[in-house]
Every structure is written in structure tokens, then in C-alpha cells.
């Protein structure tokens, strides 16, 4: 396959706390190719959003830092460019839809101003040109009467409309990569479907790549070509979406699928146990305390095993539980 547009190698992100450094992302490898949608999947707290903030260099300072690794975008390591150069990348070449639009939009500025501010900054448009382009973007994302709604403040819009505004902001500069962090969280199912259809349609129109962060496997099935599953800050399985849904390999991935409510089954099947604290991760495999296939071998960190050219799993006991 061609060279990845975004290539993350051995990313380690840590936070300083009173109890010492905590590793939120531990050795993440990720490749996003041009025109591809990659799903980053896992429970809350597994490190998905921290990985996204690491890419954008938006970790809270001074507590958060990238301790190790490389983030290559078109061959450039984003961890080594100056802050001025990173500001030119952020929002222009790589954009991000944040998880909660109400806290991501500035409440004291109109939504129109917040869109055309980026257009003036990155595309060097005049105030009038930027205003017209902002109207066009609101129309593109399906907001009715965009010429009037451009003067609204965030609190005057519904949750679904605010999410559409976030998408309009993210797409206004025609980025090469869009990071969508739980773009449908807290939206009703009708609006969820509209937002996902919108992202897929605009992806085709603009030709961008999408890193979709979610815990919803239904969203992954509908939109992604590749999937990477995370647990406790580590990647545990990576595969094409077809392979992952047909042949899930890691016990954690199997547990995620088993826990999905089914119409024909009145009993829920949650994964037993709880996610371990990042302060006190077990030696070796982080999932071992919740795994039905645990052995003494699991006290050592498992290697990556190739199941097929597009399917890898990080598990000592893959052969046993897969059979």
C-alpha cells in the first residue's frame, strides 16, 4: 500500500500527577492512508482522545506530554515542528471535531465568526469572502436558512445543529485529515445517522481521510475501512473492518461484540471485572484480570501476531480462544 498520510510510531503520552507519571497512551502505532476512514475503538478512558490530542499537540500543559514516539504527517514529524508551523497545520491540514460541541464552541461569539475566523487565518480570505464561505459551509452541513443562522450564538442551537457547526468549522479549510472524536455522542439516533452520512458524503467530496474515535461498533461497521482496538492505553488488535467483524481475535474484542444488546437475547453479556487503574496496571497483558483465557504466560507483555496481512492481534492465547 502507498505511504501513510498519517503515521504514528510508538506513541507514548504521559501525565504528571501527585502520585507520579501516568501513561495514558502506551506505544501506539497507527497508519492512516489517503481517502481512508480508520476507526479507533475502545471503552472510555482507554486513551483514544488522548491520542487525538497528542496528534494535534493540544495536550493540557504542563501536565501532559508526549514522552516518546513520532507523529509523521506527510513525512514530517509533528512533534519536531515549531509551534508557529503547528498552528498552520492545525485546523488547516488536520482538523478535529471535538466530543462536546457546547464546550468546544465559544459562547460569546456567533457561530459564523467562529467559522470565518479560521478561513481568514488559513485561507487569507477577506471578511466578506470568509462570511460568504461560512454561509456556504453551514448550507453544506445541512443547517436550514444558513444566512440567518450564521448570526446565532451556540446556546441558540440544538445539540445536533451545534455538532453540524463543529463539522463546518472542521471542513472549512478543506483539510487532508479530519479527526472526529465521538461525533455522535449524546445525539439521538436520527441525528446520529444524519451526522455519519454527512461525514461520509463530505469525505468523498473533499477527498480527505478520517480518524473516527468511537466506542460504538455499529458506527464502525457503517463507516470504517480499518479498525484499531485499544485497551488501557494500548492497541490490542488491528484489522480491516470486514475481518474484525467476521473474525474478532482478541478476548477484549470478543467481549465488546458479546456485550452488544441483541433483540433475540434478553440477557446482557458484559465483560466481567473492571478496567484496571492506569496507576496500577498488571504486569504483561493489561486485560489478563478480566480474561477467561489467562495463563502464566500472560504475565509477560504479548507480541503482535499476524493472522493475515490485514489482521494483527496482541495476545499470547490467540490460537486457543480463536479455535
C-alpha atoms as a PDB file:
ATOM      1  CA  UNK A   1       0.000   0.000   0.000  1.00  0.00           C
ATOM      2  CA  UNK A   2       1.110   3.588  -0.542  1.00  0.00           C
ATOM      3  CA  UNK A   3       2.876   5.619   2.141  1.00  0.00           C
ATOM      4  CA  UNK A   4       0.514   6.540   5.002  1.00  0.00           C
ATOM      5  CA  UNK A   5      -0.702  10.126   5.128  1.00  0.00           C
ATOM      6  CA  UNK A   6      -0.532   9.976   8.929  1.00  0.00           C
ATOM      7  CA  UNK A   7       1.907   7.529  10.513  1.00  0.00           C
ATOM      8  CA  UNK A   8       2.137   7.256  14.314  1.00  0.00           C
ATOM      9  CA  UNK A   9       5.079   5.228  15.587  1.00  0.00           C
ATOM     10  CA  UNK A  10       5.482   4.102  19.199  1.00  0.00           C
ATOM     11  CA  UNK A  11       3.497   6.994  20.710  1.00  0.00           C
ATOM     12  CA  UNK A  12       3.787   7.250  24.499  1.00  0.00           C
ATOM     13  CA  UNK A  13       1.782  10.022  26.186  1.00  0.00           C
ATOM     14  CA  UNK A  14       2.097  10.684  29.905  1.00  0.00           C
ATOM     15  CA  UNK A  15       0.543  12.960  32.516  1.00  0.00           C
ATOM     16  CA  UNK A  16       2.279  14.206  35.642  1.00  0.00           C
ATOM     17  CA  UNK A  17       0.265  13.629  38.812  1.00  0.00           C
ATOM     18  CA  UNK A  18       0.874  13.792  42.543  1.00  0.00           C
ATOM     19  CA  UNK A  19       1.345  10.031  42.502  1.00  0.00           C
ATOM     20  CA  UNK A  20       3.894  10.188  39.710  1.00  0.00           C
ATOM     21  CA  UNK A  21       3.690   9.964  35.897  1.00  0.00           C
ATOM     22  CA  UNK A  22       0.728   8.110  34.397  1.00  0.00           C
ATOM     23  CA  UNK A  23       0.974   6.620  30.905  1.00  0.00           C
ATOM     24  CA  UNK A  24      -2.320   7.245  29.075  1.00  0.00           C
ATOM     25  CA  UNK A  25      -1.114   6.028  25.651  1.00  0.00           C
ATOM     26  CA  UNK A  26       1.500   3.291  25.648  1.00  0.00           C
ATOM     27  CA  UNK A  27       3.372   2.500  22.427  1.00  0.00           C
ATOM     28  CA  UNK A  28       0.623   3.257  19.908  1.00  0.00           C
ATOM     29  CA  UNK A  29       1.287   2.520  16.227  1.00  0.00           C
ATOM     30  CA  UNK A  30      -1.272   3.778  13.718  1.00  0.00           C
ATOM     31  CA  UNK A  31      -1.320   4.309   9.952  1.00  0.00           C
ATOM     32  CA  UNK A  32      -3.986   6.348   8.166  1.00  0.00           C
ATOM     33  CA  UNK A  33      -3.887   6.299   4.365  1.00  0.00           C
ATOM     34  CA  UNK A  34      -5.244   8.859   1.929  1.00  0.00           C
ATOM     35  CA  UNK A  35      -9.024   8.613   1.470  1.00  0.00           C
ATOM     36  CA  UNK A  36      -9.381   6.071   4.288  1.00  0.00           C
ATOM     37  CA  UNK A  37     -11.592   6.038   7.371  1.00  0.00           C
ATOM     38  CA  UNK A  38      -9.867   4.418  10.357  1.00  0.00           C
ATOM     39  CA  UNK A  39     -11.868   3.613  13.481  1.00  0.00           C
ATOM     40  CA  UNK A  40     -10.198   3.908  16.883  1.00  0.00           C
ATOM     41  CA  UNK A  41     -12.311   1.796  19.246  1.00  0.00           C
ATOM     42  CA  UNK A  42     -12.361   1.133  22.975  1.00  0.00           C
ATOM     43  CA  UNK A  43     -14.030   1.860  26.304  1.00  0.00           C
ATOM     44  CA  UNK A  44     -13.984   5.303  27.867  1.00  0.00           C
ATOM     45  CA  UNK A  45     -10.576   6.006  29.382  1.00  0.00           C
ATOM     46  CA  UNK A  46      -8.609   3.729  27.045  1.00  0.00           C
ATOM     47  CA  UNK A  47      -6.592   6.602  25.552  1.00  0.00           C
ATOM     48  CA  UNK A  48      -8.433   7.337  22.302  1.00  0.00           C
ATOM     49  CA  UNK A  49      -8.984  11.059  22.876  1.00  0.00           C
ATOM     50  CA  UNK A  50      -5.520  11.500  24.404  1.00  0.00           C
ATOM     51  CA  UNK A  51      -4.033  10.017  21.225  1.00  0.00           C
ATOM     52  CA  UNK A  52      -6.006  12.546  19.154  1.00  0.00           C
ATOM     53  CA  UNK A  53      -4.893  15.469  21.336  1.00  0.00           C
ATOM     54  CA  UNK A  54      -1.311  14.228  21.022  1.00  0.00           C
ATOM     55  CA  UNK A  55      -1.592  14.378  17.218  1.00  0.00           C
ATOM     56  CA  UNK A  56      -2.928  17.930  17.394  1.00  0.00           C
ATOM     57  CA  UNK A  57      -0.394  18.911  20.093  1.00  0.00           C
ATOM     58  CA  UNK A  58      -3.241  20.107  22.296  1.00  0.00           C
ATOM     59  CA  UNK A  59      -2.388  18.185  25.462  1.00  0.00           C
ATOM     60  CA  UNK A  60      -3.058  20.199  28.633  1.00  0.00           C
ATOM     61  CA  UNK A  61       0.127  21.860  29.806  1.00  0.00           C
ATOM     62  CA  UNK A  62       2.213  21.385  31.849  1.00  0.00           C
ATOM     63  CA  UNK A  63       0.790  18.033  32.972  1.00  0.00           C
ATOM     64  CA  UNK A  64       0.541  16.313  29.587  1.00  0.00           C
ATOM     65  CA  UNK A  65       3.455  15.475  27.330  1.00  0.00           C
ATOM     66  CA  UNK A  66       4.479  13.083  24.582  1.00  0.00           C
ATOM     67  CA  UNK A  67       7.298  11.109  26.196  1.00  0.00           C
ATOM     68  CA  UNK A  68       8.260   9.025  23.188  1.00  0.00           C
ATOM     69  CA  UNK A  69       7.383   8.276  19.576  1.00  0.00           C
ATOM     70  CA  UNK A  70       6.873  10.001  16.240  1.00  0.00           C
ATOM     71  CA  UNK A  71       3.804  11.511  14.573  1.00  0.00           C
ATOM     72  CA  UNK A  72       4.573  11.693  10.858  1.00  0.00           C
ATOM     73  CA  UNK A  73       2.219  13.727   8.684  1.00  0.00           C
ATOM     74  CA  UNK A  74       3.212  13.647   5.010  1.00  0.00           C
ATOM     75  CA  UNK A  75       6.680  12.642   6.189  1.00  0.00           C
ATOM     76  CA  UNK A  76       7.066  15.494   8.716  1.00  0.00           C
ATOM     77  CA  UNK A  77       7.306  14.725  12.413  1.00  0.00           C
ATOM     78  CA  UNK A  78       4.715  16.998  14.014  1.00  0.00           C
ATOM     79  CA  UNK A  79       6.456  16.660  17.364  1.00  0.00           C
ATOM     80  CA  UNK A  80       9.516  18.431  15.976  1.00  0.00           C
ATOM     81  CA  UNK A  81       7.937  21.370  14.099  1.00  0.00           C
ATOM     82  CA  UNK A  82       7.724  24.784  15.739  1.00  0.00           C
ATOM     83  CA  UNK A  83       4.516  25.953  17.418  1.00  0.00           C
ATOM     84  CA  UNK A  84       4.027  28.517  14.624  1.00  0.00           C
ATOM     85  CA  UNK A  85       4.232  25.778  11.995  1.00  0.00           C
ATOM     86  CA  UNK A  86       1.900  23.587  14.045  1.00  0.00           C
ATOM     87  CA  UNK A  87      -0.695  26.388  14.108  1.00  0.00           C
ATOM     88  CA  UNK A  88      -0.572  26.381  10.303  1.00  0.00           C
ATOM     89  CA  UNK A  89      -1.234  22.624  10.284  1.00  0.00           C
ATOM     90  CA  UNK A  90      -3.902  22.637  12.994  1.00  0.00           C
ATOM     91  CA  UNK A  91      -7.330  23.402  11.558  1.00  0.00           C
ATOM     92  CA  UNK A  92      -5.930  23.767   8.050  1.00  0.00           C
ATOM     93  CA  UNK A  93      -4.354  20.431   7.077  1.00  0.00           C
ATOM     94  CA  UNK A  94      -5.525  18.424  10.096  1.00  0.00           C
ATOM     95  CA  UNK A  95      -8.812  19.397  11.731  1.00  0.00           C
ATOM     96  CA  UNK A  96     -10.707  17.958  14.669  1.00  0.00           C
ATOM     97  CA  UNK A  97     -14.334  17.610  15.711  1.00  0.00           C
ATOM     98  CA  UNK A  98     -14.328  17.624  19.494  1.00  0.00           C
ATOM     99  CA  UNK A  99     -16.508  15.374  21.609  1.00  0.00           C
ATOM    100  CA  UNK A 100     -18.775  18.008  23.170  1.00  0.00           C
ATOM    101  CA  UNK A 101     -19.696  20.917  20.865  1.00  0.00           C
ATOM    102  CA  UNK A 102     -21.206  23.054  23.628  1.00  0.00           C
ATOM    103  CA  UNK A 103     -17.876  23.259  25.450  1.00  0.00           C
ATOM    104  CA  UNK A 104     -15.823  23.446  22.228  1.00  0.00           C
ATOM    105  CA  UNK A 105     -17.660  26.416  20.733  1.00  0.00           C
ATOM    106  CA  UNK A 106     -17.010  29.830  22.254  1.00  0.00           C
ATOM    107  CA  UNK A 107     -20.288  31.005  23.828  1.00  0.00           C
ATOM    108  CA  UNK A 108     -19.585  34.729  23.369  1.00  0.00           C
ATOM    109  CA  UNK A 109     -19.038  34.624  19.592  1.00  0.00           C
ATOM    110  CA  UNK A 110     -21.514  33.828  16.834  1.00  0.00           C
ATOM    111  CA  UNK A 111     -21.081  30.535  15.014  1.00  0.00           C
ATOM    112  CA  UNK A 112     -20.404  32.461  11.816  1.00  0.00           C
ATOM    113  CA  UNK A 113     -17.490  34.343  13.364  1.00  0.00           C
ATOM    114  CA  UNK A 114     -16.007  31.099  14.647  1.00  0.00           C
ATOM    115  CA  UNK A 115     -16.088  29.611  11.136  1.00  0.00           C
ATOM    116  CA  UNK A 116     -14.750  32.548   9.150  1.00  0.00           C
ATOM    117  CA  UNK A 117     -12.020  33.273  11.703  1.00  0.00           C
ATOM    118  CA  UNK A 118     -10.292  30.076  10.505  1.00  0.00           C
ATOM    119  CA  UNK A 119     -10.931  30.991   6.872  1.00  0.00           C
ATOM    120  CA  UNK A 120      -9.286  34.392   7.317  1.00  0.00           C
ATOM    121  CA  UNK A 121      -6.389  32.855   9.226  1.00  0.00           C
ATOM    122  CA  UNK A 122      -5.563  29.938   6.950  1.00  0.00           C
ATOM    123  CA  UNK A 123      -7.016  30.748   3.532  1.00  0.00           C
ATOM    124  CA  UNK A 124      -6.348  34.513   3.706  1.00  0.00           C
ATOM    125  CA  UNK A 125      -9.883  35.438   2.644  1.00  0.00           C
ATOM    126  CA  UNK A 126     -11.320  38.892   3.151  1.00  0.00           C
ATOM    127  CA  UNK A 127     -14.010  39.418   5.783  1.00  0.00           C
ATOM    128  CA  UNK A 128     -16.705  39.447   3.099  1.00  0.00           C
ATOM    129  CA  UNK A 129     -15.360  36.353   1.324  1.00  0.00           C
ATOM    130  CA  UNK A 130     -14.987  34.493   4.607  1.00  0.00           C
ATOM    131  CA  UNK A 131     -18.545  35.399   5.614  1.00  0.00           C
ATOM    132  CA  UNK A 132     -19.948  34.068   2.341  1.00  0.00           C
ATOM    133  CA  UNK A 133     -17.870  30.906   2.607  1.00  0.00           C
ATOM    134  CA  UNK A 134     -19.128  30.398   6.179  1.00  0.00           C
ATOM    135  CA  UNK A 135     -22.720  30.590   4.885  1.00  0.00           C
ATOM    136  CA  UNK A 136     -21.821  28.044   2.200  1.00  0.00           C
ATOM    137  CA  UNK A 137     -20.327  25.705   4.819  1.00  0.00           C
ATOM    138  CA  UNK A 138     -23.444  25.886   7.010  1.00  0.00           C
ATOM    139  CA  UNK A 139     -25.531  25.097   3.944  1.00  0.00           C
ATOM    140  CA  UNK A 140     -23.194  22.212   3.093  1.00  0.00           C
ATOM    141  CA  UNK A 141     -23.701  20.599   6.507  1.00  0.00           C
ATOM    142  CA  UNK A 142     -27.476  20.894   6.229  1.00  0.00           C
ATOM    143  CA  UNK A 143     -28.341  23.805   8.520  1.00  0.00           C
ATOM    144  CA  UNK A 144     -31.558  25.489   7.283  1.00  0.00           C
ATOM    145  CA  UNK A 145     -31.535  29.224   6.500  1.00  0.00           C
ATOM    146  CA  UNK A 146     -27.739  29.454   6.884  1.00  0.00           C
ATOM    147  CA  UNK A 147     -27.603  33.170   6.074  1.00  0.00           C
ATOM    148  CA  UNK A 148     -29.731  33.861   9.163  1.00  0.00           C
ATOM    149  CA  UNK A 149     -28.329  31.175  11.474  1.00  0.00           C
ATOM    150  CA  UNK A 150     -24.785  32.381  10.929  1.00  0.00           C
ATOM    151  CA  UNK A 151     -25.520  35.166  13.403  1.00  0.00           C
ATOM    152  CA  UNK A 152     -26.727  32.768  16.110  1.00  0.00           C
ATOM    153  CA  UNK A 153     -24.782  32.010  19.258  1.00  0.00           C
ATOM    154  CA  UNK A 154     -24.124  28.354  20.245  1.00  0.00           C
ATOM    155  CA  UNK A 155     -26.772  28.364  23.002  1.00  0.00           C
ATOM    156  CA  UNK A 156     -29.431  29.246  20.414  1.00  0.00           C
ATOM    157  CA  UNK A 157     -28.873  25.960  18.577  1.00  0.00           C
ATOM    158  CA  UNK A 158     -29.788  22.351  19.338  1.00  0.00           C
ATOM    159  CA  UNK A 159     -27.127  19.739  20.055  1.00  0.00           C
ATOM    160  CA  UNK A 160     -27.357  18.333  16.550  1.00  0.00           C
ATOM    161  CA  UNK A 161     -27.002  21.761  14.955  1.00  0.00           C
ATOM    162  CA  UNK A 162     -24.006  22.611  17.157  1.00  0.00           C
ATOM    163  CA  UNK A 163     -22.391  19.372  16.043  1.00  0.00           C
ATOM    164  CA  UNK A 164     -23.004  20.374  12.428  1.00  0.00           C
ATOM    165  CA  UNK A 165     -21.364  23.732  13.135  1.00  0.00           C
ATOM    166  CA  UNK A 166     -18.335  21.880  14.511  1.00  0.00           C
ATOM    167  CA  UNK A 167     -18.181  19.842  11.304  1.00  0.00           C
ATOM    168  CA  UNK A 168     -18.473  23.021   9.221  1.00  0.00           C
ATOM    169  CA  UNK A 169     -15.560  24.545  11.160  1.00  0.00           C
ATOM    170  CA  UNK A 170     -13.502  21.382  10.740  1.00  0.00           C
ATOM    171  CA  UNK A 171     -14.140  21.245   6.990  1.00  0.00           C
ATOM    172  CA  UNK A 172     -13.955  24.956   6.183  1.00  0.00           C
ATOM    173  CA  UNK A 173     -10.284  24.813   5.154  1.00  0.00           C
ATOM    174  CA  UNK A 174     -10.651  21.531   3.240  1.00  0.00           C
ATOM    175  CA  UNK A 175      -8.281  19.516   5.487  1.00  0.00           C
ATOM    176  CA  UNK A 176      -6.433  16.404   4.382  1.00  0.00           C
ATOM    177  CA  UNK A 177      -7.185  14.648   7.687  1.00  0.00           C
ATOM    178  CA  UNK A 178     -10.194  15.060   9.956  1.00  0.00           C
ATOM    179  CA  UNK A 179     -10.163  13.617  13.476  1.00  0.00           C
ATOM    180  CA  UNK A 180     -13.726  13.017  14.666  1.00  0.00           C
ATOM    181  CA  UNK A 181     -13.831  12.377  18.423  1.00  0.00           C
ATOM    182  CA  UNK A 182     -17.167  10.711  19.238  1.00  0.00           C
ATOM    183  CA  UNK A 183     -19.014  12.929  16.738  1.00  0.00           C
ATOM    184  CA  UNK A 184     -22.408  11.365  17.518  1.00  0.00           C
ATOM    185  CA  UNK A 185     -22.197  11.126  21.325  1.00  0.00           C
ATOM    186  CA  UNK A 186     -25.345  12.372  23.127  1.00  0.00           C
ATOM    187  CA  UNK A 187     -27.271  12.750  19.867  1.00  0.00           C
ATOM    188  CA  UNK A 188     -30.484  10.849  19.180  1.00  0.00           C
ATOM    189  CA  UNK A 189     -30.273   8.026  16.658  1.00  0.00           C
ATOM    190  CA  UNK A 190     -31.880  10.003  13.826  1.00  0.00           C
ATOM    191  CA  UNK A 191     -29.368  12.823  14.167  1.00  0.00           C
ATOM    192  CA  UNK A 192     -26.545  10.270  14.554  1.00  0.00           C
ATOM    193  CA  UNK A 193     -27.390   8.765  11.192  1.00  0.00           C
ATOM    194  CA  UNK A 194     -27.545  12.207   9.565  1.00  0.00           C
ATOM    195  CA  UNK A 195     -24.140  13.212  11.001  1.00  0.00           C
ATOM    196  CA  UNK A 196     -22.490   9.966   9.856  1.00  0.00           C
ATOM    197  CA  UNK A 197     -23.990  10.265   6.390  1.00  0.00           C
ATOM    198  CA  UNK A 198     -22.795  13.859   6.248  1.00  0.00           C
ATOM    199  CA  UNK A 199     -19.206  12.963   7.210  1.00  0.00           C
ATOM    200  CA  UNK A 200     -19.126  10.125   4.648  1.00  0.00           C
ATOM    201  CA  UNK A 201     -20.523  12.329   1.888  1.00  0.00           C
ATOM    202  CA  UNK A 202     -18.172  15.213   2.594  1.00  0.00           C
ATOM    203  CA  UNK A 203     -15.236  12.822   2.824  1.00  0.00           C
ATOM    204  CA  UNK A 204     -15.953  11.731  -0.739  1.00  0.00           C
ATOM    205  CA  UNK A 205     -16.491  15.289  -1.981  1.00  0.00           C
ATOM    206  CA  UNK A 206     -13.328  16.721  -0.401  1.00  0.00           C
ATOM    207  CA  UNK A 207     -11.172  13.579  -0.671  1.00  0.00           C
ATOM    208  CA  UNK A 208      -9.983  13.681   2.937  1.00  0.00           C
ATOM    209  CA  UNK A 209      -9.042  10.915   5.374  1.00  0.00           C
ATOM    210  CA  UNK A 210     -10.929  10.411   8.647  1.00  0.00           C
ATOM    211  CA  UNK A 211      -9.748   9.156  12.029  1.00  0.00           C
ATOM    212  CA  UNK A 212     -13.006   8.231  13.750  1.00  0.00           C
ATOM    213  CA  UNK A 213     -12.835   7.818  17.538  1.00  0.00           C
ATOM    214  CA  UNK A 214     -15.782   5.910  18.949  1.00  0.00           C
ATOM    215  CA  UNK A 215     -16.953   3.165  21.287  1.00  0.00           C
ATOM    216  CA  UNK A 216     -19.906   2.328  19.046  1.00  0.00           C
ATOM    217  CA  UNK A 217     -19.214  -0.751  16.904  1.00  0.00           C
ATOM    218  CA  UNK A 218     -22.315  -0.033  14.840  1.00  0.00           C
ATOM    219  CA  UNK A 219     -20.795   3.275  13.746  1.00  0.00           C
ATOM    220  CA  UNK A 220     -17.541   1.459  12.893  1.00  0.00           C
ATOM    221  CA  UNK A 221     -19.362  -1.110  10.755  1.00  0.00           C
ATOM    222  CA  UNK A 222     -21.129   1.632   8.821  1.00  0.00           C
ATOM    223  CA  UNK A 223     -18.221   3.979   8.141  1.00  0.00           C
ATOM    224  CA  UNK A 224     -14.735   2.471   8.596  1.00  0.00           C
ATOM    225  CA  UNK A 225     -12.417   0.504   6.337  1.00  0.00           C
ATOM    226  CA  UNK A 226      -9.783  -0.185   9.015  1.00  0.00           C
ATOM    227  CA  UNK A 227     -10.148  -0.551  12.793  1.00  0.00           C
ATOM    228  CA  UNK A 228      -7.725  -0.348  15.707  1.00  0.00           C
ATOM    229  CA  UNK A 229      -8.945  -1.583  19.123  1.00  0.00           C
ATOM    230  CA  UNK A 230      -7.433  -0.039  22.283  1.00  0.00           C
ATOM    231  CA  UNK A 231      -7.488  -1.177  25.891  1.00  0.00           C
ATOM    232  CA  UNK A 232      -5.899   0.609  28.877  1.00  0.00           C
ATOM    233  CA  UNK A 233      -3.783   2.829  26.634  1.00  0.00           C
ATOM    234  CA  UNK A 234      -2.503   0.021  24.396  1.00  0.00           C
ATOM    235  CA  UNK A 235      -3.528  -1.234  20.969  1.00  0.00           C
ATOM    236  CA  UNK A 236      -4.640  -4.881  21.173  1.00  0.00           C
ATOM    237  CA  UNK A 237      -5.997  -5.601  17.692  1.00  0.00           C
ATOM    238  CA  UNK A 238      -5.857  -4.001  14.252  1.00  0.00           C
ATOM    239  CA  UNK A 239      -7.691  -5.243  11.183  1.00  0.00           C
ATOM    240  CA  UNK A 240      -9.853  -4.351   8.240  1.00  0.00           C
ATOM    241  CA  UNK A 241     -13.441  -3.726   9.316  1.00  0.00           C
ATOM    242  CA  UNK A 242     -14.559  -6.833   7.416  1.00  0.00           C
ATOM    243  CA  UNK A 243     -12.011  -9.067   9.176  1.00  0.00           C
ATOM    244  CA  UNK A 244     -12.723  -7.593  12.602  1.00  0.00           C
ATOM    245  CA  UNK A 245     -16.464  -8.208  12.354  1.00  0.00           C
ATOM    246  CA  UNK A 246     -16.121 -11.644  10.773  1.00  0.00           C
ATOM    247  CA  UNK A 247     -13.180 -12.938  12.854  1.00  0.00           C
ATOM    248  CA  UNK A 248     -12.566 -10.896  16.035  1.00  0.00           C
ATOM    249  CA  UNK A 249      -9.425 -12.305  17.654  1.00  0.00           C
ATOM    250  CA  UNK A 250      -8.530 -10.595  20.929  1.00  0.00           C
ATOM    251  CA  UNK A 251     -10.544 -11.630  24.039  1.00  0.00           C
ATOM    252  CA  UNK A 252     -11.327  -7.958  24.675  1.00  0.00           C
ATOM    253  CA  UNK A 253     -12.684  -7.511  21.138  1.00  0.00           C
ATOM    254  CA  UNK A 254     -14.740 -10.683  21.564  1.00  0.00           C
ATOM    255  CA  UNK A 255     -16.097  -9.236  24.803  1.00  0.00           C
ATOM    256  CA  UNK A 256     -17.074  -5.983  23.089  1.00  0.00           C
ATOM    257  CA  UNK A 257     -19.058  -7.862  20.462  1.00  0.00           C
ATOM    258  CA  UNK A 258     -20.658 -10.152  23.041  1.00  0.00           C
ATOM    259  CA  UNK A 259     -21.784  -7.152  25.125  1.00  0.00           C
ATOM    260  CA  UNK A 260     -23.807  -5.623  22.274  1.00  0.00           C
ATOM    261  CA  UNK A 261     -27.539  -5.975  23.146  1.00  0.00           C
ATOM    262  CA  UNK A 262     -29.369  -8.340  20.791  1.00  0.00           C
ATOM    263  CA  UNK A 263     -33.093  -8.417  20.070  1.00  0.00           C
ATOM    264  CA  UNK A 264     -33.292 -12.207  20.340  1.00  0.00           C
ATOM    265  CA  UNK A 265     -31.326 -12.360  23.606  1.00  0.00           C
ATOM    266  CA  UNK A 266     -32.908 -10.944  26.764  1.00  0.00           C
ATOM    267  CA  UNK A 267     -29.709 -11.369  28.806  1.00  0.00           C
ATOM    268  CA  UNK A 268     -26.869  -8.851  28.608  1.00  0.00           C
ATOM    269  CA  UNK A 269     -23.319 -10.238  28.474  1.00  0.00           C
ATOM    270  CA  UNK A 270     -20.954  -7.607  29.899  1.00  0.00           C
ATOM    271  CA  UNK A 271     -17.205  -8.077  30.155  1.00  0.00           C
ATOM    272  CA  UNK A 272     -16.507  -9.260  33.696  1.00  0.00           C
ATOM    273  CA  UNK A 273     -14.398  -7.154  36.043  1.00  0.00           C
ATOM    274  CA  UNK A 274     -13.377  -3.520  35.662  1.00  0.00           C
ATOM    275  CA  UNK A 275     -10.764  -1.618  33.682  1.00  0.00           C
ATOM    276  CA  UNK A 276      -7.538  -1.536  35.727  1.00  0.00           C
ATOM    277  CA  UNK A 277      -6.266   1.759  37.074  1.00  0.00           C
ATOM    278  CA  UNK A 278      -3.518   3.321  34.974  1.00  0.00           C
ATOM    279  CA  UNK A 279      -1.653   3.792  38.255  1.00  0.00           C
ATOM    280  CA  UNK A 280      -1.581   0.046  38.805  1.00  0.00           C
ATOM    281  CA  UNK A 281      -1.635  -1.860  35.517  1.00  0.00           C
ATOM    282  CA  UNK A 282      -0.846  -5.584  35.801  1.00  0.00           C
ATOM    283  CA  UNK A 283       2.455  -6.882  34.503  1.00  0.00           C
ATOM    284  CA  UNK A 284       2.233  -8.167  30.949  1.00  0.00           C
ATOM    285  CA  UNK A 285      -1.183  -8.115  29.290  1.00  0.00           C
ATOM    286  CA  UNK A 286      -3.390  -5.350  30.709  1.00  0.00           C
ATOM    287  CA  UNK A 287      -6.542  -7.403  30.035  1.00  0.00           C
ATOM    288  CA  UNK A 288      -5.441 -10.537  31.938  1.00  0.00           C
ATOM    289  CA  UNK A 289      -7.539  -9.938  35.084  1.00  0.00           C
ATOM    290  CA  UNK A 290     -10.730  -9.923  33.001  1.00  0.00           C
ATOM    291  CA  UNK A 291      -9.755 -12.645  30.516  1.00  0.00           C
ATOM    292  CA  UNK A 292     -11.187 -16.175  30.541  1.00  0.00           C
ATOM    293  CA  UNK A 293      -8.106 -17.491  28.717  1.00  0.00           C
ATOM    294  CA  UNK A 294      -5.496 -16.178  31.155  1.00  0.00           C
ATOM    295  CA  UNK A 295      -2.313 -18.238  31.688  1.00  0.00           C
ATOM    296  CA  UNK A 296       1.010 -17.729  33.420  1.00  0.00           C
ATOM    297  CA  UNK A 297       2.379 -16.663  30.029  1.00  0.00           C
ATOM    298  CA  UNK A 298       0.122 -13.592  30.165  1.00  0.00           C
ATOM    299  CA  UNK A 299       2.340 -12.099  32.889  1.00  0.00           C
ATOM    300  CA  UNK A 300       4.651 -11.129  30.023  1.00  0.00           C
ATOM    301  CA  UNK A 301       3.650  -8.473  27.515  1.00  0.00           C
ATOM    302  CA  UNK A 302       2.298 -10.289  24.432  1.00  0.00           C
ATOM    303  CA  UNK A 303       3.756  -9.858  20.938  1.00  0.00           C
ATOM    304  CA  UNK A 304       1.856  -8.894  17.807  1.00  0.00           C
ATOM    305  CA  UNK A 305       0.707 -11.992  15.892  1.00  0.00           C
ATOM    306  CA  UNK A 306      -0.123 -11.774  12.188  1.00  0.00           C
ATOM    307  CA  UNK A 307      -3.376 -13.571  11.390  1.00  0.00           C
ATOM    308  CA  UNK A 308      -3.476 -12.253   7.830  1.00  0.00           C
ATOM    309  CA  UNK A 309      -1.772  -9.342   6.014  1.00  0.00           C
ATOM    310  CA  UNK A 310      -4.563  -7.007   7.217  1.00  0.00           C
ATOM    311  CA  UNK A 311      -5.251  -8.548  10.626  1.00  0.00           C
ATOM    312  CA  UNK A 312      -2.961  -8.471  13.691  1.00  0.00           C
ATOM    313  CA  UNK A 313      -3.635  -9.288  17.335  1.00  0.00           C
ATOM    314  CA  UNK A 314      -1.612  -8.702  20.508  1.00  0.00           C
ATOM    315  CA  UNK A 315      -2.394 -11.850  22.525  1.00  0.00           C
ATOM    316  CA  UNK A 316      -0.486 -14.909  23.766  1.00  0.00           C
ATOM    317  CA  UNK A 317      -3.600 -17.114  23.699  1.00  0.00           C
ATOM    318  CA  UNK A 318      -4.980 -16.199  20.285  1.00  0.00           C
ATOM    319  CA  UNK A 319      -4.868 -19.764  18.924  1.00  0.00           C
ATOM    320  CA  UNK A 320      -6.766 -21.199  21.923  1.00  0.00           C
ATOM    321  CA  UNK A 321      -9.693 -18.799  22.182  1.00  0.00           C
ATOM    322  CA  UNK A 322      -9.969 -18.350  18.412  1.00  0.00           C
ATOM    323  CA  UNK A 323     -10.398 -22.123  17.995  1.00  0.00           C
END
